[in-house]
Amino acid sequence: MRLTDFWVRLEEAFGPGYAASIASDQVLSQLDGRTIEQALAAGEETHVVWRAVVAAYPDRVPARLR
């Protein structure tokens, strides 16, 4: 998954303002206690980070974005 696709999906799932907050503030156990931004900055693959988002927020991510 391209990085731009990742951000589009995140914004579709959470809305533009909340997506930015989730990415910078929410620590996910699925990302070894890092935020989305930290995981991406550390070189984690976008599809791995996206799977972590889906696992952390199964009710927020629509099936079509999984």
Protein backbone atom coordinates (compact mmCIF):
# COMPACT_ATOMS: atom_id res chain seq x y z
CA MET A 1 0.00 0.00 0.00
CA ARG A 2 1.33 3.42 -0.90
CA LEU A 3 1.65 5.99 1.86
CA THR A 4 -0.86 8.28 0.15
CA ASP A 5 -3.38 5.42 0.05
CA PHE A 6 -2.79 4.81 3.75
CA TRP A 7 -3.62 8.43 4.64
CA VAL A 8 -6.70 8.45 2.39
CA ARG A 9 -8.02 5.32 4.12
CA LEU A 10 -7.28 6.71 7.57
CA GLU A 11 -9.12 9.93 6.76
CA GLU A 12 -12.06 8.03 5.28
CA ALA A 13 -12.34 5.91 8.41
CA PHE A 14 -11.91 8.67 11.01
CA GLY A 15 -12.40 11.99 9.22
CA PRO A 16 -9.56 14.41 8.44
CA GLY A 17 -9.21 16.05 11.84
CA TYR A 18 -9.57 12.94 13.94
CA ALA A 19 -7.29 10.90 11.65
CA ALA A 20 -4.43 13.31 12.32
CA SER A 21 -5.04 13.06 16.05
CA ILE A 22 -5.16 9.25 15.95
CA ALA A 23 -1.92 9.17 13.96
CA SER A 24 0.01 11.43 16.30
CA ASP A 25 -1.50 10.75 19.73
CA GLN A 26 -2.83 7.19 19.94
CA VAL A 27 -0.31 4.54 21.00
CA LEU A 28 -1.18 1.14 19.54
CA SER A 29 -0.05 -2.06 21.21
CA GLN A 30 -0.08 -3.70 17.77
CA LEU A 31 2.74 -1.30 16.81
CA ASP A 32 4.87 -2.17 19.83
CA GLY A 33 3.63 0.81 21.81
CA ARG A 34 4.22 3.37 19.07
CA THR A 35 1.92 5.81 17.38
CA ILE A 36 1.11 5.52 13.69
CA GLU A 37 3.45 8.42 12.94
CA GLN A 38 6.27 6.86 14.97
CA ALA A 39 5.85 3.47 13.29
CA LEU A 40 5.87 4.99 9.81
CA ALA A 41 8.87 7.18 10.64
CA ALA A 42 10.72 4.09 11.87
CA GLY A 43 10.19 2.47 8.46
CA GLU A 44 7.33 0.13 9.27
CA GLU A 45 5.52 -0.96 6.12
CA THR A 46 2.26 0.87 5.53
CA HIS A 47 0.27 -2.35 5.18
CA VAL A 48 1.52 -3.50 8.59
CA VAL A 49 0.51 -0.19 10.16
CA TRP A 50 -2.88 -0.34 8.43
CA ARG A 51 -3.52 -3.84 9.78
CA ALA A 52 -2.72 -2.51 13.26
CA VAL A 53 -5.25 0.30 12.79
CA VAL A 54 -7.92 -2.18 11.66
CA ALA A 55 -7.17 -4.45 14.63
CA ALA A 56 -7.29 -1.54 17.09
CA TYR A 57 -10.49 -0.03 15.67
CA PRO A 58 -12.52 -2.86 14.11
CA ASP A 59 -15.79 -0.98 14.52
CA ARG A 60 -14.51 2.25 12.96
CA VAL A 61 -12.89 0.88 9.79
CA PRO A 62 -15.48 0.00 7.13
CA ALA A 63 -15.15 -3.41 5.50
CA ARG A 64 -14.47 -1.81 2.12
CA LEU A 65 -11.29 -0.21 3.53
CA ARG A 66 -9.90 -3.32 5.13
